[in-house]
PDB file of all heavy atoms in Angstrom:
ATOM      1  N   GLY A   1       2.471 -60.363 -24.037  1.00  0.00           N
ATOM      2  CA  GLY A   1       3.385 -61.367 -24.562  1.00  0.00           C
ATOM      3  C   GLY A   1       2.871 -62.771 -24.515  1.00  0.00           C
ATOM      4  O   GLY A   1       3.144 -63.572 -25.449  1.00  0.00           O
ATOM      5  N   LYS A   2       2.217 -63.112 -23.502  1.00  0.00           N
ATOM      6  CA  LYS A   2       1.688 -64.462 -23.395  1.00  0.00           C
ATOM      7  C   LYS A   2       0.483 -64.696 -24.320  1.00  0.00           C
ATOM      8  O   LYS A   2       0.411 -65.737 -25.025  1.00  0.00           O
ATOM      9  CB  LYS A   2       1.265 -64.842 -21.981  1.00  0.00           C
ATOM     10  CG  LYS A   2       2.435 -65.045 -21.023  1.00  0.00           C
ATOM     11  CD  LYS A   2       3.137 -66.344 -21.353  1.00  0.00           C
ATOM     12  CE  LYS A   2       4.179 -66.728 -20.286  1.00  0.00           C
ATOM     13  NZ  LYS A   2       4.877 -67.979 -20.615  1.00  0.00           N
ATOM     14  N   LEU A   3      -0.446 -63.726 -24.415  1.00  0.00           N
ATOM     15  CA  LEU A   3      -1.555 -63.887 -25.332  1.00  0.00           C
ATOM     16  C   LEU A   3      -1.075 -63.916 -26.759  1.00  0.00           C
ATOM     17  O   LEU A   3      -1.640 -64.567 -27.624  1.00  0.00           O
ATOM     18  CB  LEU A   3      -2.546 -62.721 -25.105  1.00  0.00           C
ATOM     19  CG  LEU A   3      -3.254 -62.680 -23.725  1.00  0.00           C
ATOM     20  CD1 LEU A   3      -4.200 -61.477 -23.632  1.00  0.00           C
ATOM     21  CD2 LEU A   3      -4.023 -63.989 -23.409  1.00  0.00           C
ATOM     22  N   ALA A   4      -0.048 -63.128 -27.041  1.00  0.00           N
ATOM     23  CA  ALA A   4       0.479 -63.077 -28.448  1.00  0.00           C
ATOM     24  C   ALA A   4       1.119 -64.439 -28.877  1.00  0.00           C
ATOM     25  O   ALA A   4       1.391 -64.617 -30.053  1.00  0.00           O
ATOM     26  CB  ALA A   4       1.546 -61.972 -28.536  1.00  0.00           C
ATOM     27  N   HIS A   5       1.343 -65.333 -27.923  1.00  0.00           N
ATOM     28  CA  HIS A   5       1.792 -66.650 -28.274  1.00  0.00           C
ATOM     29  C   HIS A   5       0.898 -67.331 -29.348  1.00  0.00           C
ATOM     30  O   HIS A   5       1.362 -68.085 -30.185  1.00  0.00           O
ATOM     31  CB  HIS A   5       1.868 -67.565 -27.082  1.00  0.00           C
ATOM     32  CG  HIS A   5       3.117 -67.427 -26.265  1.00  0.00           C
ATOM     33  ND1 HIS A   5       3.345 -68.215 -25.148  1.00  0.00           N
ATOM     34  CD2 HIS A   5       4.169 -66.633 -26.415  1.00  0.00           C
ATOM     35  CE1 HIS A   5       4.533 -67.883 -24.627  1.00  0.00           C
ATOM     36  NE2 HIS A   5       5.063 -66.928 -25.382  1.00  0.00           N
ATOM     37  N   LEU A   6      -0.370 -67.008 -29.314  1.00  0.00           N
ATOM     38  CA  LEU A   6      -1.278 -67.689 -30.252  1.00  0.00           C
ATOM     39  C   LEU A   6      -1.019 -67.278 -31.738  1.00  0.00           C
ATOM     40  O   LEU A   6      -1.335 -68.085 -32.619  1.00  0.00           O
ATOM     41  CB  LEU A   6      -2.713 -67.357 -29.849  1.00  0.00           C
ATOM     42  CG  LEU A   6      -3.198 -68.030 -28.564  1.00  0.00           C
ATOM     43  CD1 LEU A   6      -4.545 -67.508 -28.158  1.00  0.00           C
ATOM     44  CD2 LEU A   6      -3.244 -69.548 -28.658  1.00  0.00           C
ATOM     45  N   ASP A   7      -0.436 -66.110 -31.951  1.00  0.00           N
ATOM     46  CA  ASP A   7      -0.002 -65.787 -33.298  1.00  0.00           C
ATOM     47  C   ASP A   7       1.053 -66.750 -33.726  1.00  0.00           C
ATOM     48  O   ASP A   7       1.067 -67.229 -34.905  1.00  0.00           O
ATOM     49  CB  ASP A   7       0.471 -64.354 -33.400  1.00  0.00           C
ATOM     50  CG  ASP A   7      -0.654 -63.333 -33.344  1.00  0.00           C
ATOM     51  OD1 ASP A   7      -1.778 -63.625 -33.800  1.00  0.00           O
ATOM     52  OD2 ASP A   7      -0.417 -62.179 -32.791  1.00  0.00           O
ATOM     53  N   GLY A   8       2.007 -67.045 -32.816  1.00  0.00           N
ATOM     54  CA  GLY A   8       3.013 -68.023 -33.109  1.00  0.00           C
ATOM     55  C   GLY A   8       2.490 -69.439 -33.308  1.00  0.00           C
ATOM     56  O   GLY A   8       2.976 -70.213 -34.165  1.00  0.00           O
ATOM     57  N   LEU A   9       1.435 -69.752 -32.572  1.00  0.00           N
ATOM     58  CA  LEU A   9       0.779 -71.056 -32.717  1.00  0.00           C
ATOM     59  C   LEU A   9       0.267 -71.209 -34.139  1.00  0.00           C
ATOM     60  O   LEU A   9       0.388 -72.296 -34.786  1.00  0.00           O
ATOM     61  CB  LEU A   9      -0.343 -71.201 -31.660  1.00  0.00           C
ATOM     62  CG  LEU A   9      -1.201 -72.457 -31.893  1.00  0.00           C
ATOM     63  CD1 LEU A   9      -0.493 -73.685 -31.263  1.00  0.00           C
ATOM     64  CD2 LEU A   9      -2.583 -72.313 -31.299  1.00  0.00           C
ATOM     65  N   ASN A  10      -0.378 -70.180 -34.637  1.00  0.00           N
ATOM     66  CA  ASN A  10      -0.890 -70.305 -36.038  1.00  0.00           C
ATOM     67  C   ASN A  10       0.253 -70.572 -37.045  1.00  0.00           C
ATOM     68  O   ASN A  10       0.101 -71.404 -37.955  1.00  0.00           O
ATOM     69  CB  ASN A  10      -1.661 -69.055 -36.431  1.00  0.00           C
ATOM     70  CG  ASN A  10      -2.936 -68.879 -35.664  1.00  0.00           C
ATOM     71  OD1 ASN A  10      -3.543 -69.861 -35.223  1.00  0.00           O
ATOM     72  ND2 ASN A  10      -3.404 -67.664 -35.476  1.00  0.00           N
ATOM     73  N   LEU A  11       1.357 -69.938 -36.821  1.00  0.00           N
ATOM     74  CA  LEU A  11       2.510 -70.140 -37.713  1.00  0.00           C
ATOM     75  C   LEU A  11       3.090 -71.575 -37.531  1.00  0.00           C
ATOM     76  O   LEU A  11       3.360 -72.232 -38.562  1.00  0.00           O
ATOM     77  CB  LEU A  11       3.601 -69.085 -37.470  1.00  0.00           C
ATOM     78  CG  LEU A  11       3.210 -67.653 -37.813  1.00  0.00           C
ATOM     79  CD1 LEU A  11       4.235 -66.706 -37.177  1.00  0.00           C
ATOM     80  CD2 LEU A  11       3.153 -67.419 -39.269  1.00  0.00           C
ATOM     81  N   SER A  12       3.298 -71.982 -36.326  1.00  0.00           N
ATOM     82  CA  SER A  12       3.956 -73.293 -36.106  1.00  0.00           C
ATOM     83  C   SER A  12       2.936 -74.392 -36.555  1.00  0.00           C
ATOM     84  O   SER A  12       3.369 -75.441 -37.045  1.00  0.00           O
ATOM     85  CB  SER A  12       4.341 -73.452 -34.676  1.00  0.00           C
ATOM     86  OG  SER A  12       3.299 -73.428 -33.784  1.00  0.00           O
ATOM     87  N   ARG A  13       1.624 -74.202 -36.314  1.00  0.00           N
ATOM     88  CA  ARG A  13       0.669 -75.243 -36.803  1.00  0.00           C
ATOM     89  C   ARG A  13       0.750 -75.331 -38.307  1.00  0.00           C
ATOM     90  O   ARG A  13       0.681 -76.387 -38.866  1.00  0.00           O
ATOM     91  CB  ARG A  13      -0.724 -74.788 -36.418  1.00  0.00           C
ATOM     92  CG  ARG A  13      -1.226 -75.238 -35.035  1.00  0.00           C
ATOM     93  CD  ARG A  13      -2.634 -74.867 -34.842  1.00  0.00           C
ATOM     94  NE  ARG A  13      -3.252 -75.445 -33.655  1.00  0.00           N
ATOM     95  CZ  ARG A  13      -4.480 -75.281 -33.309  1.00  0.00           C
ATOM     96  NH1 ARG A  13      -5.288 -74.461 -34.035  1.00  0.00           N
ATOM     97  NH2 ARG A  13      -5.017 -75.801 -32.216  1.00  0.00           N
ATOM     98  N   ALA A  14       0.864 -74.219 -38.953  1.00  0.00           N
ATOM     99  CA  ALA A  14       0.946 -74.201 -40.501  1.00  0.00           C
ATOM    100  C   ALA A  14       2.106 -75.045 -40.923  1.00  0.00           C
ATOM    101  O   ALA A  14       1.936 -75.915 -41.821  1.00  0.00           O
ATOM    102  CB  ALA A  14       1.077 -72.804 -40.991  1.00  0.00           C
ATOM    103  N   TRP A  15       3.345 -74.833 -40.340  1.00  0.00           N
ATOM    104  CA  TRP A  15       4.465 -75.643 -40.864  1.00  0.00           C
ATOM    105  C   TRP A  15       4.361 -77.042 -40.383  1.00  0.00           C
ATOM    106  O   TRP A  15       4.807 -77.959 -41.144  1.00  0.00           O
ATOM    107  CB  TRP A  15       5.812 -74.992 -40.541  1.00  0.00           C
ATOM    108  CG  TRP A  15       6.353 -75.236 -39.157  1.00  0.00           C
ATOM    109  CD1 TRP A  15       6.727 -76.448 -38.574  1.00  0.00           C
ATOM    110  CD2 TRP A  15       6.816 -74.242 -38.256  1.00  0.00           C
ATOM    111  NE1 TRP A  15       7.293 -76.197 -37.382  1.00  0.00           N
ATOM    112  CE2 TRP A  15       7.359 -74.916 -37.117  1.00  0.00           C
ATOM    113  CE3 TRP A  15       6.768 -72.868 -38.232  1.00  0.00           C
ATOM    114  CZ2 TRP A  15       7.903 -74.161 -36.027  1.00  0.00           C
ATOM    115  CZ3 TRP A  15       7.320 -72.152 -37.144  1.00  0.00           C
ATOM    116  CH2 TRP A  15       7.865 -72.828 -36.026  1.00  0.00           C
ATOM    117  N   MET A  16       3.741 -77.349 -39.254  1.00  0.00           N
ATOM    118  CA  MET A  16       3.597 -78.751 -38.833  1.00  0.00           C
ATOM    119  C   MET A  16       2.645 -79.488 -39.670  1.00  0.00           C
ATOM    120  O   MET A  16       2.833 -80.627 -40.092  1.00  0.00           O
ATOM    121  CB  MET A  16       3.210 -78.776 -37.369  1.00  0.00           C
ATOM    122  CG  MET A  16       4.310 -78.357 -36.436  1.00  0.00           C
ATOM    123  SD  MET A  16       3.737 -78.140 -34.722  1.00  0.00           S
ATOM    124  CE  MET A  16       5.233 -77.519 -33.983  1.00  0.00           C
ATOM    125  N   LEU A  17       1.524 -78.850 -40.060  1.00  0.00           N
ATOM    126  CA  LEU A  17       0.575 -79.451 -40.983  1.00  0.00           C
ATOM    127  C   LEU A  17       1.174 -79.679 -42.350  1.00  0.00           C
ATOM    128  O   LEU A  17       0.958 -80.793 -42.954  1.00  0.00           O
ATOM    129  CB  LEU A  17      -0.669 -78.543 -41.157  1.00  0.00           C
ATOM    130  CG  LEU A  17      -1.588 -78.431 -39.905  1.00  0.00           C
ATOM    131  CD1 LEU A  17      -2.468 -77.154 -40.019  1.00  0.00           C
ATOM    132  CD2 LEU A  17      -2.426 -79.655 -39.722  1.00  0.00           C
ATOM    133  N   GLU A  18       2.003 -78.799 -42.855  1.00  0.00           N
ATOM    134  CA  GLU A  18       2.692 -78.985 -44.074  1.00  0.00           C
ATOM    135  C   GLU A  18       3.692 -80.130 -43.934  1.00  0.00           C
ATOM    136  O   GLU A  18       3.857 -80.942 -44.894  1.00  0.00           O
ATOM    137  CB  GLU A  18       3.441 -77.727 -44.531  1.00  0.00           C
ATOM    138  CG  GLU A  18       2.459 -76.622 -44.969  1.00  0.00           C
ATOM    139  CD  GLU A  18       3.147 -75.342 -45.393  1.00  0.00           C
ATOM    140  OE1 GLU A  18       4.419 -75.331 -45.307  1.00  0.00           O
ATOM    141  OE2 GLU A  18       2.469 -74.393 -45.793  1.00  0.00           O
ATOM    142  N   GLY A  19       4.367 -80.219 -42.853  1.00  0.00           N
ATOM    143  CA  GLY A  19       5.304 -81.329 -42.641  1.00  0.00           C
ATOM    144  C   GLY A  19       4.572 -82.712 -42.563  1.00  0.00           C
ATOM    145  O   GLY A  19       5.048 -83.653 -43.178  1.00  0.00           O
ATOM    146  N   ILE A  20       3.501 -82.733 -41.871  1.00  0.00           N
ATOM    147  CA  ILE A  20       2.708 -83.966 -41.793  1.00  0.00           C
ATOM    148  C   ILE A  20       2.258 -84.394 -43.171  1.00  0.00           C
ATOM    149  O   ILE A  20       2.341 -85.514 -43.593  1.00  0.00           O
ATOM    150  CB  ILE A  20       1.518 -83.781 -40.840  1.00  0.00           C
ATOM    151  CG1 ILE A  20       2.021 -83.587 -39.397  1.00  0.00           C
ATOM    152  CG2 ILE A  20       0.583 -84.975 -40.936  1.00  0.00           C
ATOM    153  CD1 ILE A  20       0.952 -83.029 -38.444  1.00  0.00           C
ATOM    154  N   ALA A  21       1.778 -83.420 -43.920  1.00  0.00           N
ATOM    155  CA  ALA A  21       1.268 -83.737 -45.307  1.00  0.00           C
ATOM    156  C   ALA A  21       2.432 -84.191 -46.156  1.00  0.00           C
ATOM    157  O   ALA A  21       2.218 -85.106 -47.045  1.00  0.00           O
ATOM    158  CB  ALA A  21       0.675 -82.482 -45.916  1.00  0.00           C
ATOM    159  N   SER A  22       3.660 -83.732 -45.958  1.00  0.00           N
ATOM    160  CA  SER A  22       4.798 -84.117 -46.798  1.00  0.00           C
ATOM    161  C   SER A  22       5.157 -85.614 -46.590  1.00  0.00           C
ATOM    162  O   SER A  22       5.869 -86.143 -47.441  1.00  0.00           O
ATOM    163  CB  SER A  22       5.981 -83.228 -46.504  1.00  0.00           C
ATOM    164  OG  SER A  22       6.598 -83.607 -45.250  1.00  0.00           O
ATOM    165  N   ALA A  23       4.690 -86.221 -45.532  1.00  0.00           N
ATOM    166  CA  ALA A  23       5.043 -87.577 -45.216  1.00  0.00           C
ATOM    167  C   ALA A  23       3.929 -88.585 -45.533  1.00  0.00           C
ATOM    168  O   ALA A  23       3.984 -89.718 -45.095  1.00  0.00           O
ATOM    169  CB  ALA A  23       5.358 -87.702 -43.699  1.00  0.00           C
ATOM    170  N   LEU A  24       2.915 -88.097 -46.286  1.00  0.00           N
ATOM    171  CA  LEU A  24       1.803 -88.959 -46.659  1.00  0.00           C
ATOM    172  C   LEU A  24       1.818 -89.207 -48.179  1.00  0.00           C
ATOM    173  O   LEU A  24       2.299 -88.426 -48.959  1.00  0.00           O
ATOM    174  CB  LEU A  24       0.440 -88.308 -46.300  1.00  0.00           C
ATOM    175  CG  LEU A  24       0.202 -88.086 -44.796  1.00  0.00           C
ATOM    176  CD1 LEU A  24      -1.083 -87.326 -44.592  1.00  0.00           C
ATOM    177  CD2 LEU A  24       0.175 -89.463 -44.075  1.00  0.00           C
ATOM    178  N   PRO A  25       1.342 -90.373 -48.620  1.00  0.00           N
ATOM    179  CA  PRO A  25       1.263 -90.667 -50.001  1.00  0.00           C
ATOM    180  C   PRO A  25       0.405 -89.683 -50.824  1.00  0.00           C
ATOM    181  O   PRO A  25      -0.520 -89.084 -50.221  1.00  0.00           O
ATOM    182  CB  PRO A  25       0.659 -92.089 -50.123  1.00  0.00           C
ATOM    183  CG  PRO A  25       0.801 -92.635 -48.721  1.00  0.00           C
ATOM    184  CD  PRO A  25       0.821 -91.475 -47.779  1.00  0.00           C
ATOM    185  N   ALA A  26       0.668 -89.495 -52.088  1.00  0.00           N
ATOM    186  CA  ALA A  26      -0.034 -88.471 -52.840  1.00  0.00           C
ATOM    187  C   ALA A  26      -1.523 -88.746 -52.896  1.00  0.00           C
ATOM    188  O   ALA A  26      -2.305 -87.768 -53.077  1.00  0.00           O
ATOM    189  CB  ALA A  26       0.572 -88.456 -54.262  1.00  0.00           C
ATOM    190  N   ALA A  27      -1.955 -89.952 -52.782  1.00  0.00           N
ATOM    191  CA  ALA A  27      -3.368 -90.320 -52.836  1.00  0.00           C
ATOM    192  C   ALA A  27      -4.052 -90.308 -51.482  1.00  0.00           C
ATOM    193  O   ALA A  27      -5.265 -90.621 -51.432  1.00  0.00           O
ATOM    194  CB  ALA A  27      -3.583 -91.674 -53.520  1.00  0.00           C
ATOM    195  N   ASP A  28      -3.396 -89.937 -50.444  1.00  0.00           N
ATOM    196  CA  ASP A  28      -3.988 -89.952 -49.089  1.00  0.00           C
ATOM    197  C   ASP A  28      -5.177 -88.966 -49.057  1.00  0.00           C
ATOM    198  O   ASP A  28      -5.041 -87.814 -49.419  1.00  0.00           O
ATOM    199  CB  ASP A  28      -2.924 -89.611 -48.030  1.00  0.00           C
ATOM    200  CG  ASP A  28      -3.394 -89.940 -46.672  1.00  0.00           C
ATOM    201  OD1 ASP A  28      -4.346 -89.379 -46.138  1.00  0.00           O
ATOM    202  OD2 ASP A  28      -2.788 -90.849 -46.059  1.00  0.00           O
ATOM    203  N   ARG A  29      -6.309 -89.432 -48.577  1.00  0.00           N
ATOM    204  CA  ARG A  29      -7.487 -88.603 -48.587  1.00  0.00           C
ATOM    205  C   ARG A  29      -7.469 -87.501 -47.518  1.00  0.00           C
ATOM    206  O   ARG A  29      -8.318 -86.629 -47.518  1.00  0.00           O
ATOM    207  CB  ARG A  29      -8.725 -89.496 -48.341  1.00  0.00           C
ATOM    208  CG  ARG A  29      -8.990 -90.430 -49.526  1.00  0.00           C
ATOM    209  CD  ARG A  29     -10.074 -91.430 -49.236  1.00  0.00           C
ATOM    210  NE  ARG A  29     -11.358 -90.731 -48.932  1.00  0.00           N
ATOM    211  CZ  ARG A  29     -12.381 -91.302 -48.302  1.00  0.00           C
ATOM    212  NH1 ARG A  29     -12.245 -92.573 -47.872  1.00  0.00           N
ATOM    213  NH2 ARG A  29     -13.491 -90.632 -48.104  1.00  0.00           N
ATOM    214  N   ARG A  30      -6.507 -87.539 -46.655  1.00  0.00           N
ATOM    215  CA  ARG A  30      -6.395 -86.501 -45.608  1.00  0.00           C
ATOM    216  C   ARG A  30      -5.649 -85.231 -46.125  1.00  0.00           C
ATOM    217  O   ARG A  30      -5.649 -84.178 -45.478  1.00  0.00           O
ATOM    218  CB  ARG A  30      -5.661 -87.060 -44.381  1.00  0.00           C
ATOM    219  CG  ARG A  30      -6.487 -88.099 -43.608  1.00  0.00           C
ATOM    220  CD  ARG A  30      -5.608 -88.796 -42.627  1.00  0.00           C
ATOM    221  NE  ARG A  30      -4.686 -89.733 -43.212  1.00  0.00           N
ATOM    222  CZ  ARG A  30      -3.951 -90.676 -42.616  1.00  0.00           C
ATOM    223  NH1 ARG A  30      -4.133 -90.808 -41.307  1.00  0.00           N
ATOM    224  NH2 ARG A  30      -3.134 -91.434 -43.263  1.00  0.00           N
ATOM    225  N   LEU A  31      -4.990 -85.331 -47.241  1.00  0.00           N
ATOM    226  CA  LEU A  31      -4.138 -84.237 -47.681  1.00  0.00           C
ATOM    227  C   LEU A  31      -4.943 -82.953 -47.879  1.00  0.00           C
ATOM    228  O   LEU A  31      -4.453 -81.851 -47.533  1.00  0.00           O
ATOM    229  CB  LEU A  31      -3.377 -84.635 -48.986  1.00  0.00           C
ATOM    230  CG  LEU A  31      -2.302 -85.629 -48.758  1.00  0.00           C
ATOM    231  CD1 LEU A  31      -1.747 -86.061 -50.147  1.00  0.00           C
ATOM    232  CD2 LEU A  31      -1.197 -85.028 -47.945  1.00  0.00           C
ATOM    233  N   PRO A  32      -6.102 -82.935 -48.549  1.00  0.00           N
ATOM    234  CA  PRO A  32      -6.831 -81.694 -48.699  1.00  0.00           C
ATOM    235  C   PRO A  32      -7.129 -81.006 -47.396  1.00  0.00           C
ATOM    236  O   PRO A  32      -6.951 -79.743 -47.311  1.00  0.00           O
ATOM    237  CB  PRO A  32      -8.138 -82.093 -49.444  1.00  0.00           C
ATOM    238  CG  PRO A  32      -7.732 -83.363 -50.165  1.00  0.00           C
ATOM    239  CD  PRO A  32      -6.810 -84.083 -49.285  1.00  0.00           C
ATOM    240  N   ALA A  33      -7.542 -81.749 -46.389  1.00  0.00           N
ATOM    241  CA  ALA A  33      -7.900 -81.102 -45.077  1.00  0.00           C
ATOM    242  C   ALA A  33      -6.632 -80.597 -44.436  1.00  0.00           C
ATOM    243  O   ALA A  33      -6.627 -79.482 -43.850  1.00  0.00           O
ATOM    244  CB  ALA A  33      -8.581 -82.090 -44.163  1.00  0.00           C
ATOM    245  N   LEU A  34      -5.518 -81.325 -44.532  1.00  0.00           N
ATOM    246  CA  LEU A  34      -4.270 -80.842 -43.912  1.00  0.00           C
ATOM    247  C   LEU A  34      -3.769 -79.558 -44.617  1.00  0.00           C
ATOM    248  O   LEU A  34      -3.357 -78.611 -43.956  1.00  0.00           O
ATOM    249  CB  LEU A  34      -3.227 -81.976 -44.030  1.00  0.00           C
ATOM    250  CG  LEU A  34      -3.379 -83.159 -43.113  1.00  0.00           C
ATOM    251  CD1 LEU A  34      -2.488 -84.261 -43.540  1.00  0.00           C
ATOM    252  CD2 LEU A  34      -3.141 -82.826 -41.658  1.00  0.00           C
ATOM    253  N   ARG A  35      -3.820 -79.539 -45.901  1.00  0.00           N
ATOM    254  CA  ARG A  35      -3.295 -78.394 -46.673  1.00  0.00           C
ATOM    255  C   ARG A  35      -4.177 -77.168 -46.497  1.00  0.00           C
ATOM    256  O   ARG A  35      -3.676 -76.016 -46.486  1.00  0.00           O
ATOM    257  CB  ARG A  35      -3.105 -78.819 -48.163  1.00  0.00           C
ATOM    258  CG  ARG A  35      -1.985 -79.806 -48.315  1.00  0.00           C
ATOM    259  CD  ARG A  35      -1.943 -80.364 -49.732  1.00  0.00           C
ATOM    260  NE  ARG A  35      -0.753 -81.212 -49.908  1.00  0.00           N
ATOM    261  CZ  ARG A  35      -0.648 -82.090 -50.905  1.00  0.00           C
ATOM    262  NH1 ARG A  35      -1.675 -82.306 -51.718  1.00  0.00           N
ATOM    263  NH2 ARG A  35       0.451 -82.807 -50.963  1.00  0.00           N
ATOM    264  N   THR A  36      -5.485 -77.403 -46.451  1.00  0.00           N
ATOM    265  CA  THR A  36      -6.374 -76.273 -46.316  1.00  0.00           C
ATOM    266  C   THR A  36      -6.254 -75.660 -44.884  1.00  0.00           C
ATOM    267  O   THR A  36      -6.204 -74.446 -44.733  1.00  0.00           O
ATOM    268  CB  THR A  36      -7.835 -76.673 -46.497  1.00  0.00           C
ATOM    269  OG1 THR A  36      -8.007 -77.290 -47.794  1.00  0.00           O
ATOM    270  CG2 THR A  36      -8.805 -75.498 -46.434  1.00  0.00           C
ATOM    271  N   ALA A  37      -6.140 -76.533 -43.882  1.00  0.00           N
ATOM    272  CA  ALA A  37      -5.895 -76.027 -42.522  1.00  0.00           C
ATOM    273  C   ALA A  37      -4.556 -75.286 -42.400  1.00  0.00           C
ATOM    274  O   ALA A  37      -4.444 -74.285 -41.720  1.00  0.00           O
ATOM    275  CB  ALA A  37      -5.973 -77.164 -41.468  1.00  0.00           C
ATOM    276  N   ALA A  38      -3.538 -75.855 -43.081  1.00  0.00           N
ATOM    277  CA  ALA A  38      -2.258 -75.227 -43.117  1.00  0.00           C
ATOM    278  C   ALA A  38      -2.319 -73.789 -43.701  1.00  0.00           C
ATOM    279  O   ALA A  38      -1.768 -72.766 -43.178  1.00  0.00           O
ATOM    280  CB  ALA A  38      -1.271 -76.003 -43.800  1.00  0.00           C
ATOM    281  N   ALA A  39      -3.027 -73.667 -44.850  1.00  0.00           N
ATOM    282  CA  ALA A  39      -3.146 -72.408 -45.508  1.00  0.00           C
ATOM    283  C   ALA A  39      -3.913 -71.399 -44.685  1.00  0.00           C
ATOM    284  O   ALA A  39      -3.526 -70.203 -44.578  1.00  0.00           O
ATOM    285  CB  ALA A  39      -3.807 -72.585 -46.852  1.00  0.00           C
TER     286      ALA A  39
END
């Protein structure tokens, strides 16, 4: 159960990366890296 937490980490990281990206301007140069890591 504790080791399986990391599967949840991947899911929560994905939505957090998407959330962070949603708060940046469309021209922000960090968006590709954020979205690729989220995917």
